[in-house]
Amino acid sequence: MAVLMEMEFEATPEQYDAVENAVDGRGNPPDGLIAHTAQDLGGRMRIVDVWESPEAFGAFAEARLGAAVTEVMGADGPQAPEPKFTELHNAYSG
């Protein structure tokens, strides 16, 4: 069953873009990602994704996202937020 994944963290849009470029989500989409969105909240970013499962997001975070965040934000960057998962009835992208 697909899940909605939500999280917020301190970052500028430029920092988010640098992490996104390092991860290469568009050119090399992670396994299990159905859809990705990012919203600038003025000093904080809000991410709302649809994933095949929480485990698929966890594998991506461990294999690719964590290293990209450390590369951009440094080892002393903000702590990784706990994602919130909500089970969905249906999800697809066009």
PDB file of N, CA and C in Angstrom:
ATOM      1  N   MET A   1       0.845  -1.180   0.000  1.00  0.00           N
ATOM      2  CA  MET A   1       0.000   0.000   0.000  1.00  0.00           C
ATOM      3  C   MET A   1       0.888   1.240   0.000  1.00  0.00           C
ATOM      4  N   ALA A   2       0.608   2.204  -0.844  1.00  0.00           N
ATOM      5  CA  ALA A   2       1.373   3.446  -0.925  1.00  0.00           C
ATOM      6  C   ALA A   2       1.180   4.270   0.341  1.00  0.00           C
ATOM      7  N   VAL A   3       2.180   5.127   0.617  1.00  0.00           N
ATOM      8  CA  VAL A   3       2.127   5.994   1.787  1.00  0.00           C
ATOM      9  C   VAL A   3       2.472   7.421   1.398  1.00  0.00           C
ATOM     10  N   LEU A   4       1.856   8.358   2.115  1.00  0.00           N
ATOM     11  CA  LEU A   4       2.211   9.762   2.037  1.00  0.00           C
ATOM     12  C   LEU A   4       3.313   9.976   3.067  1.00  0.00           C
ATOM     13  N   MET A   5       4.416  10.603   2.656  1.00  0.00           N
ATOM     14  CA  MET A   5       5.517  10.897   3.570  1.00  0.00           C
ATOM     15  C   MET A   5       5.630  12.408   3.669  1.00  0.00           C
ATOM     16  N   GLU A   6       5.599  12.935   4.906  1.00  0.00           N
ATOM     17  CA  GLU A   6       5.699  14.373   5.139  1.00  0.00           C
ATOM     18  C   GLU A   6       6.822  14.646   6.130  1.00  0.00           C
ATOM     19  N   MET A   7       7.596  15.718   5.860  1.00  0.00           N
ATOM     20  CA  MET A   7       8.584  16.164   6.834  1.00  0.00           C
ATOM     21  C   MET A   7       8.935  17.620   6.573  1.00  0.00           C
ATOM     22  N   GLU A   8       9.352  18.299   7.631  1.00  0.00           N
ATOM     23  CA  GLU A   8       9.806  19.683   7.570  1.00  0.00           C
ATOM     24  C   GLU A   8      11.174  19.773   8.226  1.00  0.00           C
ATOM     25  N   PHE A   9      12.004  20.670   7.679  1.00  0.00           N
ATOM     26  CA  PHE A   9      13.347  20.847   8.230  1.00  0.00           C
ATOM     27  C   PHE A   9      13.853  22.239   7.882  1.00  0.00           C
ATOM     28  N   GLU A  10      14.828  22.714   8.675  1.00  0.00           N
ATOM     29  CA  GLU A  10      15.430  24.020   8.432  1.00  0.00           C
ATOM     30  C   GLU A  10      16.353  23.919   7.232  1.00  0.00           C
ATOM     31  N   ALA A  11      16.067  24.716   6.210  1.00  0.00           N
ATOM     32  CA  ALA A  11      16.904  24.800   5.010  1.00  0.00           C
ATOM     33  C   ALA A  11      16.364  25.898   4.124  1.00  0.00           C
ATOM     34  N   THR A  12      17.236  26.475   3.335  1.00  0.00           N
ATOM     35  CA  THR A  12      16.817  27.451   2.341  1.00  0.00           C
ATOM     36  C   THR A  12      16.471  26.711   1.054  1.00  0.00           C
ATOM     37  N   PRO A  13      15.742  27.355   0.150  1.00  0.00           N
ATOM     38  CA  PRO A  13      15.494  26.723  -1.148  1.00  0.00           C
ATOM     39  C   PRO A  13      16.794  26.384  -1.885  1.00  0.00           C
ATOM     40  N   GLU A  14      17.821  27.216  -1.716  1.00  0.00           N
ATOM     41  CA  GLU A  14      19.102  26.955  -2.373  1.00  0.00           C
ATOM     42  C   GLU A  14      19.762  25.694  -1.805  1.00  0.00           C
ATOM     43  N   GLN A  15      19.678  25.506  -0.489  1.00  0.00           N
ATOM     44  CA  GLN A  15      20.221  24.287   0.110  1.00  0.00           C
ATOM     45  C   GLN A  15      19.429  23.074  -0.349  1.00  0.00           C
ATOM     46  N   TYR A  16      18.104  23.209  -0.364  1.00  0.00           N
ATOM     47  CA  TYR A  16      17.275  22.111  -0.869  1.00  0.00           C
ATOM     48  C   TYR A  16      17.675  21.769  -2.306  1.00  0.00           C
ATOM     49  N   ASP A  17      17.813  22.786  -3.163  1.00  0.00           N
ATOM     50  CA  ASP A  17      18.168  22.543  -4.565  1.00  0.00           C
ATOM     51  C   ASP A  17      19.518  21.850  -4.682  1.00  0.00           C
ATOM     52  N   ALA A  18      20.480  22.233  -3.838  1.00  0.00           N
ATOM     53  CA  ALA A  18      21.800  21.589  -3.877  1.00  0.00           C
ATOM     54  C   ALA A  18      21.706  20.122  -3.486  1.00  0.00           C
ATOM     55  N   VAL A  19      20.904  19.810  -2.465  1.00  0.00           N
ATOM     56  CA  VAL A  19      20.699  18.413  -2.072  1.00  0.00           C
ATOM     57  C   VAL A  19      19.989  17.659  -3.194  1.00  0.00           C
ATOM     58  N   GLU A  20      18.967  18.268  -3.774  1.00  0.00           N
ATOM     59  CA  GLU A  20      18.228  17.643  -4.872  1.00  0.00           C
ATOM     60  C   GLU A  20      19.151  17.349  -6.054  1.00  0.00           C
ATOM     61  N   ASN A  21      20.052  18.293  -6.376  1.00  0.00           N
ATOM     62  CA  ASN A  21      21.007  18.066  -7.465  1.00  0.00           C
ATOM     63  C   ASN A  21      21.965  16.932  -7.137  1.00  0.00           C
ATOM     64  N   ALA A  22      22.418  16.855  -5.886  1.00  0.00           N
ATOM     65  CA  ALA A  22      23.332  15.780  -5.476  1.00  0.00           C
ATOM     66  C   ALA A  22      22.652  14.418  -5.520  1.00  0.00           C
ATOM     67  N   VAL A  23      21.375  14.371  -5.154  1.00  0.00           N
ATOM     68  CA  VAL A  23      20.611  13.114  -5.158  1.00  0.00           C
ATOM     69  C   VAL A  23      20.233  12.711  -6.586  1.00  0.00           C
ATOM     70  N   ASP A  24      20.021  13.702  -7.449  1.00  0.00           N
ATOM     71  CA  ASP A  24      19.604  13.489  -8.848  1.00  0.00           C
ATOM     72  C   ASP A  24      18.292  12.714  -8.917  1.00  0.00           C
ATOM     73  N   GLY A  25      17.307  13.200  -8.171  1.00  0.00           N
ATOM     74  CA  GLY A  25      16.007  12.540  -8.118  1.00  0.00           C
ATOM     75  C   GLY A  25      15.270  12.494  -9.441  1.00  0.00           C
ATOM     76  N   ARG A  26      15.434  13.519 -10.262  1.00  0.00           N
ATOM     77  CA  ARG A  26      14.765  13.511 -11.578  1.00  0.00           C
ATOM     78  C   ARG A  26      15.484  12.590 -12.559  1.00  0.00           C
ATOM     79  N   GLY A  27      16.785  12.673 -12.611  1.00  0.00           N
ATOM     80  CA  GLY A  27      17.558  11.878 -13.567  1.00  0.00           C
ATOM     81  C   GLY A  27      17.691  10.425 -13.178  1.00  0.00           C
ATOM     82  N   ASN A  28      17.677  10.157 -11.890  1.00  0.00           N
ATOM     83  CA  ASN A  28      17.841   8.802 -11.374  1.00  0.00           C
ATOM     84  C   ASN A  28      16.866   8.616 -10.206  1.00  0.00           C
ATOM     85  N   PRO A  29      15.558   8.507 -10.512  1.00  0.00           N
ATOM     86  CA  PRO A  29      14.559   8.424  -9.448  1.00  0.00           C
ATOM     87  C   PRO A  29      14.812   7.232  -8.519  1.00  0.00           C
ATOM     88  N   PRO A  30      14.630   7.441  -7.226  1.00  0.00           N
ATOM     89  CA  PRO A  30      14.829   6.338  -6.288  1.00  0.00           C
ATOM     90  C   PRO A  30      13.755   5.269  -6.456  1.00  0.00           C
ATOM     91  N   ASP A  31      14.143   4.028  -6.220  1.00  0.00           N
ATOM     92  CA  ASP A  31      13.190   2.923  -6.242  1.00  0.00           C
ATOM     93  C   ASP A  31      12.089   3.195  -5.221  1.00  0.00           C
ATOM     94  N   GLY A  32      10.846   3.047  -5.647  1.00  0.00           N
ATOM     95  CA  GLY A  32       9.725   3.185  -4.738  1.00  0.00           C
ATOM     96  C   GLY A  32       9.113   4.569  -4.665  1.00  0.00           C
ATOM     97  N   LEU A  33       9.745   5.580  -5.279  1.00  0.00           N
ATOM     98  CA  LEU A  33       9.184   6.928  -5.265  1.00  0.00           C
ATOM     99  C   LEU A  33       8.089   7.042  -6.324  1.00  0.00           C
ATOM    100  N   ILE A  34       6.920   7.506  -5.918  1.00  0.00           N
ATOM    101  CA  ILE A  34       5.812   7.712  -6.845  1.00  0.00           C
ATOM    102  C   ILE A  34       5.709   9.189  -7.216  1.00  0.00           C
ATOM    103  N   ALA A  35       5.841  10.094  -6.246  1.00  0.00           N
ATOM    104  CA  ALA A  35       5.759  11.532  -6.503  1.00  0.00           C
ATOM    105  C   ALA A  35       6.514  12.283  -5.411  1.00  0.00           C
ATOM    106  N   HIS A  36       7.068  13.460  -5.775  1.00  0.00           N
ATOM    107  CA  HIS A  36       7.835  14.280  -4.837  1.00  0.00           C
ATOM    108  C   HIS A  36       7.414  15.733  -4.981  1.00  0.00           C
ATOM    109  N   THR A  37       7.257  16.424  -3.850  1.00  0.00           N
ATOM    110  CA  THR A  37       7.003  17.864  -3.842  1.00  0.00           C
ATOM    111  C   THR A  37       7.833  18.515  -2.746  1.00  0.00           C
ATOM    112  N   ALA A  38       8.149  19.794  -2.942  1.00  0.00           N
ATOM    113  CA  ALA A  38       8.873  20.574  -1.936  1.00  0.00           C
ATOM    114  C   ALA A  38       8.279  21.969  -1.885  1.00  0.00           C
ATOM    115  N   GLN A  39       8.096  22.487  -0.669  1.00  0.00           N
ATOM    116  CA  GLN A  39       7.496  23.795  -0.461  1.00  0.00           C
ATOM    117  C   GLN A  39       8.411  24.637   0.425  1.00  0.00           C
ATOM    118  N   ASP A  40       8.669  25.876   0.011  1.00  0.00           N
ATOM    119  CA  ASP A  40       9.454  26.820   0.794  1.00  0.00           C
ATOM    120  C   ASP A  40       8.537  27.477   1.819  1.00  0.00           C
ATOM    121  N   LEU A  41       8.877  27.316   3.097  1.00  0.00           N
ATOM    122  CA  LEU A  41       8.101  27.927   4.179  1.00  0.00           C
ATOM    123  C   LEU A  41       8.832  29.114   4.791  1.00  0.00           C
ATOM    124  N   GLY A  42       9.828  29.641   4.094  1.00  0.00           N
ATOM    125  CA  GLY A  42      10.579  30.782   4.622  1.00  0.00           C
ATOM    126  C   GLY A  42      11.559  30.371   5.703  1.00  0.00           C
ATOM    127  N   GLY A  43      12.658  29.760   5.340  1.00  0.00           N
ATOM    128  CA  GLY A  43      13.655  29.274   6.294  1.00  0.00           C
ATOM    129  C   GLY A  43      13.474  27.814   6.654  1.00  0.00           C
ATOM    130  N   ARG A  44      12.365  27.253   6.253  1.00  0.00           N
ATOM    131  CA  ARG A  44      12.091  25.830   6.442  1.00  0.00           C
ATOM    132  C   ARG A  44      11.559  25.293   5.119  1.00  0.00           C
ATOM    133  N   MET A  45      11.814  24.030   4.876  1.00  0.00           N
ATOM    134  CA  MET A  45      11.281  23.364   3.694  1.00  0.00           C
ATOM    135  C   MET A  45      10.318  22.271   4.147  1.00  0.00           C
ATOM    136  N   ARG A  46       9.257  22.104   3.408  1.00  0.00           N
ATOM    137  CA  ARG A  46       8.277  21.042   3.667  1.00  0.00           C
ATOM    138  C   ARG A  46       8.291  20.106   2.470  1.00  0.00           C
ATOM    139  N   ILE A  47       8.491  18.834   2.739  1.00  0.00           N
ATOM    140  CA  ILE A  47       8.510  17.812   1.709  1.00  0.00           C
ATOM    141  C   ILE A  47       7.273  16.946   1.872  1.00  0.00           C
ATOM    142  N   VAL A  48       6.564  16.719   0.778  1.00  0.00           N
ATOM    143  CA  VAL A  48       5.425  15.806   0.748  1.00  0.00           C
ATOM    144  C   VAL A  48       5.655  14.887  -0.443  1.00  0.00           C
ATOM    145  N   ASP A  49       5.859  13.622  -0.156  1.00  0.00           N
ATOM    146  CA  ASP A  49       6.124  12.606  -1.176  1.00  0.00           C
ATOM    147  C   ASP A  49       5.082  11.514  -1.106  1.00  0.00           C
ATOM    148  N   VAL A  50       4.986  10.760  -2.170  1.00  0.00           N
ATOM    149  CA  VAL A  50       4.244   9.505  -2.167  1.00  0.00           C
ATOM    150  C   VAL A  50       5.253   8.418  -2.484  1.00  0.00           C
ATOM    151  N   TRP A  51       5.317   7.412  -1.615  1.00  0.00           N
ATOM    152  CA  TRP A  51       6.247   6.284  -1.741  1.00  0.00           C
ATOM    153  C   TRP A  51       5.464   4.977  -1.751  1.00  0.00           C
ATOM    154  N   GLU A  52       6.061   3.952  -2.324  1.00  0.00           N
ATOM    155  CA  GLU A  52       5.434   2.628  -2.298  1.00  0.00           C
ATOM    156  C   GLU A  52       5.310   2.098  -0.882  1.00  0.00           C
ATOM    157  N   SER A  53       6.260   2.475  -0.005  1.00  0.00           N
ATOM    158  CA  SER A  53       6.245   2.008   1.385  1.00  0.00           C
ATOM    159  C   SER A  53       7.204   2.855   2.212  1.00  0.00           C
ATOM    160  N   PRO A  54       7.051   2.853   3.541  1.00  0.00           N
ATOM    161  CA  PRO A  54       8.033   3.528   4.392  1.00  0.00           C
ATOM    162  C   PRO A  54       9.432   2.932   4.222  1.00  0.00           C
ATOM    163  N   GLU A  55       9.499   1.636   3.972  1.00  0.00           N
ATOM    164  CA  GLU A  55      10.794   0.976   3.801  1.00  0.00           C
ATOM    165  C   GLU A  55      11.511   1.472   2.551  1.00  0.00           C
ATOM    166  N   ALA A  56      10.747   1.757   1.479  1.00  0.00           N
ATOM    167  CA  ALA A  56      11.362   2.281   0.254  1.00  0.00           C
ATOM    168  C   ALA A  56      11.985   3.646   0.524  1.00  0.00           C
ATOM    169  N   PHE A  57      11.270   4.512   1.271  1.00  0.00           N
ATOM    170  CA  PHE A  57      11.858   5.800   1.632  1.00  0.00           C
ATOM    171  C   PHE A  57      13.084   5.592   2.511  1.00  0.00           C
ATOM    172  N   GLY A  58      13.011   4.703   3.484  1.00  0.00           N
ATOM    173  CA  GLY A  58      14.139   4.450   4.378  1.00  0.00           C
ATOM    174  C   GLY A  58      15.377   3.982   3.632  1.00  0.00           C
ATOM    175  N   ALA A  59      15.198   3.125   2.643  1.00  0.00           N
ATOM    176  CA  ALA A  59      16.330   2.649   1.848  1.00  0.00           C
ATOM    177  C   ALA A  59      16.959   3.802   1.072  1.00  0.00           C
ATOM    178  N   PHE A  60      16.128   4.667   0.499  1.00  0.00           N
ATOM    179  CA  PHE A  60      16.627   5.839  -0.216  1.00  0.00           C
ATOM    180  C   PHE A  60      17.367   6.782   0.731  1.00  0.00           C
ATOM    181  N   ALA A  61      16.789   7.040   1.894  1.00  0.00           N
ATOM    182  CA  ALA A  61      17.410   7.944   2.855  1.00  0.00           C
ATOM    183  C   ALA A  61      18.775   7.418   3.282  1.00  0.00           C
ATOM    184  N   GLU A  62      18.864   6.128   3.507  1.00  0.00           N
ATOM    185  CA  GLU A  62      20.129   5.523   3.946  1.00  0.00           C
ATOM    186  C   GLU A  62      21.164   5.489   2.830  1.00  0.00           C
ATOM    187  N   ALA A  63      20.734   5.129   1.629  1.00  0.00           N
ATOM    188  CA  ALA A  63      21.682   4.934   0.529  1.00  0.00           C
ATOM    189  C   ALA A  63      22.107   6.238  -0.153  1.00  0.00           C
ATOM    190  N   ARG A  64      21.204   7.229  -0.239  1.00  0.00           N
ATOM    191  CA  ARG A  64      21.504   8.409  -1.046  1.00  0.00           C
ATOM    192  C   ARG A  64      21.264   9.740  -0.345  1.00  0.00           C
ATOM    193  N   LEU A  65      20.152   9.884   0.333  1.00  0.00           N
ATOM    194  CA  LEU A  65      19.778  11.181   0.882  1.00  0.00           C
ATOM    195  C   LEU A  65      20.709  11.638   1.990  1.00  0.00           C
ATOM    196  N   GLY A  66      21.028  10.762   2.912  1.00  0.00           N
ATOM    197  CA  GLY A  66      21.893  11.135   4.039  1.00  0.00           C
ATOM    198  C   GLY A  66      23.236  11.667   3.583  1.00  0.00           C
ATOM    199  N   ALA A  67      23.858  11.004   2.620  1.00  0.00           N
ATOM    200  CA  ALA A  67      25.165  11.444   2.115  1.00  0.00           C
ATOM    201  C   ALA A  67      25.052  12.791   1.419  1.00  0.00           C
ATOM    202  N   ALA A  68      23.965  13.001   0.659  1.00  0.00           N
ATOM    203  CA  ALA A  68      23.776  14.275  -0.046  1.00  0.00           C
ATOM    204  C   ALA A  68      23.574  15.416   0.942  1.00  0.00           C
ATOM    205  N   VAL A  69      22.798  15.189   1.991  1.00  0.00           N
ATOM    206  CA  VAL A  69      22.571  16.230   3.002  1.00  0.00           C
ATOM    207  C   VAL A  69      23.884  16.577   3.693  1.00  0.00           C
ATOM    208  N   THR A  70      24.671  15.578   4.053  1.00  0.00           N
ATOM    209  CA  THR A  70      25.959  15.827   4.699  1.00  0.00           C
ATOM    210  C   THR A  70      26.892  16.589   3.763  1.00  0.00           C
ATOM    211  N   GLU A  71      26.888  16.233   2.486  1.00  0.00           N
ATOM    212  CA  GLU A  71      27.725  16.919   1.494  1.00  0.00           C
ATOM    213  C   GLU A  71      27.369  18.408   1.404  1.00  0.00           C
ATOM    214  N   VAL A  72      26.094  18.723   1.398  1.00  0.00           N
ATOM    215  CA  VAL A  72      25.640  20.108   1.229  1.00  0.00           C
ATOM    216  C   VAL A  72      25.655  20.875   2.543  1.00  0.00           C
ATOM    217  N   MET A  73      25.140  20.278   3.600  1.00  0.00           N
ATOM    218  CA  MET A  73      24.938  20.990   4.872  1.00  0.00           C
ATOM    219  C   MET A  73      26.109  20.822   5.840  1.00  0.00           C
ATOM    220  N   GLY A  74      26.985  19.859   5.586  1.00  0.00           N
ATOM    221  CA  GLY A  74      28.088  19.591   6.481  1.00  0.00           C
ATOM    222  C   GLY A  74      27.682  18.642   7.590  1.00  0.00           C
ATOM    223  N   ALA A  75      28.667  18.088   8.258  1.00  0.00           N
ATOM    224  CA  ALA A  75      28.414  17.116   9.323  1.00  0.00           C
ATOM    225  C   ALA A  75      27.659  17.733  10.492  1.00  0.00           C
ATOM    226  N   ASP A  76      27.774  19.050  10.663  1.00  0.00           N
ATOM    227  CA  ASP A  76      27.099  19.741  11.756  1.00  0.00           C
ATOM    228  C   ASP A  76      25.764  20.342  11.320  1.00  0.00           C
ATOM    229  N   GLY A  77      25.260  19.932  10.169  1.00  0.00           N
ATOM    230  CA  GLY A  77      23.984  20.441   9.665  1.00  0.00           C
ATOM    231  C   GLY A  77      22.832  20.002  10.547  1.00  0.00           C
ATOM    232  N   PRO A  78      21.625  20.411  10.182  1.00  0.00           N
ATOM    233  CA  PRO A  78      20.457  20.061  10.999  1.00  0.00           C
ATOM    234  C   PRO A  78      20.233  18.557  11.049  1.00  0.00           C
ATOM    235  N   GLN A  79      19.713  18.126  12.171  1.00  0.00           N
ATOM    236  CA  GLN A  79      19.392  16.711  12.341  1.00  0.00           C
ATOM    237  C   GLN A  79      18.287  16.314  11.367  1.00  0.00           C
ATOM    238  N   ALA A  80      18.369  15.095  10.899  1.00  0.00           N
ATOM    239  CA  ALA A  80      17.337  14.590   9.996  1.00  0.00           C
ATOM    240  C   ALA A  80      16.011  14.506  10.749  1.00  0.00           C
ATOM    241  N   PRO A  81      14.967  15.084  10.179  1.00  0.00           N
ATOM    242  CA  PRO A  81      13.664  15.029  10.846  1.00  0.00           C
ATOM    243  C   PRO A  81      13.054  13.638  10.720  1.00  0.00           C
ATOM    244  N   GLU A  82      12.173  13.326  11.629  1.00  0.00           N
ATOM    245  CA  GLU A  82      11.425  12.071  11.536  1.00  0.00           C
ATOM    246  C   GLU A  82      10.304  12.252  10.524  1.00  0.00           C
ATOM    247  N   PRO A  83      10.290  11.443   9.485  1.00  0.00           N
ATOM    248  CA  PRO A  83       9.190  11.562   8.536  1.00  0.00           C
ATOM    249  C   PRO A  83       7.895  11.020   9.128  1.00  0.00           C
ATOM    250  N   LYS A  84       6.787  11.608   8.709  1.00  0.00           N
ATOM    251  CA  LYS A  84       5.470  11.137   9.110  1.00  0.00           C
ATOM    252  C   LYS A  84       4.875  10.385   7.924  1.00  0.00           C
ATOM    253  N   PHE A  85       4.425   9.161   8.152  1.00  0.00           N
ATOM    254  CA  PHE A  85       3.845   8.330   7.104  1.00  0.00           C
ATOM    255  C   PHE A  85       2.354   8.131   7.355  1.00  0.00           C
ATOM    256  N   THR A  86       1.574   8.278   6.281  1.00  0.00           N
ATOM    257  CA  THR A  86       0.143   8.034   6.331  1.00  0.00           C
ATOM    258  C   THR A  86      -0.200   7.086   5.188  1.00  0.00           C
ATOM    259  N   GLU A  87      -0.870   5.985   5.503  1.00  0.00           N
ATOM    260  CA  GLU A  87      -1.242   5.025   4.466  1.00  0.00           C
ATOM    261  C   GLU A  87      -2.307   5.643   3.546  1.00  0.00           C
ATOM    262  N   LEU A  88      -2.145   5.422   2.244  1.00  0.00           N
ATOM    263  CA  LEU A  88      -3.069   5.944   1.264  1.00  0.00           C
ATOM    264  C   LEU A  88      -3.962   4.842   0.705  1.00  0.00           C
ATOM    265  N   HIS A  89      -5.117   5.213   0.266  1.00  0.00           N
ATOM    266  CA  HIS A  89      -6.036   4.262  -0.370  1.00  0.00           C
ATOM    267  C   HIS A  89      -5.604   4.005  -1.819  1.00  0.00           C
ATOM    268  N   ASN A  90      -5.110   5.054  -2.506  1.00  0.00           N
ATOM    269  CA  ASN A  90      -4.722   4.929  -3.893  1.00  0.00           C
ATOM    270  C   ASN A  90      -3.710   6.017  -4.221  1.00  0.00           C
ATOM    271  N   ALA A  91      -2.777   5.735  -5.122  1.00  0.00           N
ATOM    272  CA  ALA A  91      -1.807   6.726  -5.556  1.00  0.00           C
ATOM    273  C   ALA A  91      -1.230   6.326  -6.903  1.00  0.00           C
ATOM    274  N   TYR A  92      -1.107   7.308  -7.793  1.00  0.00           N
ATOM    275  CA  TYR A  92      -0.411   7.098  -9.067  1.00  0.00           C
ATOM    276  C   TYR A  92      -0.001   8.452  -9.598  1.00  0.00           C
ATOM    277  N   SER A  93       0.936   8.464 -10.541  1.00  0.00           N
ATOM    278  CA  SER A  93       1.314   9.712 -11.183  1.00  0.00           C
ATOM    279  C   SER A  93       1.149   9.542 -12.690  1.00  0.00           C
ATOM    280  N   GLY A  94       0.917  10.656 -13.371  1.00  0.00           N
ATOM    281  CA  GLY A  94       0.609  10.614 -14.789  1.00  0.00           C
ATOM    282  C   GLY A  94       1.745  10.720 -15.697  1.00  0.00           C
TER     283      GLY A  94
END
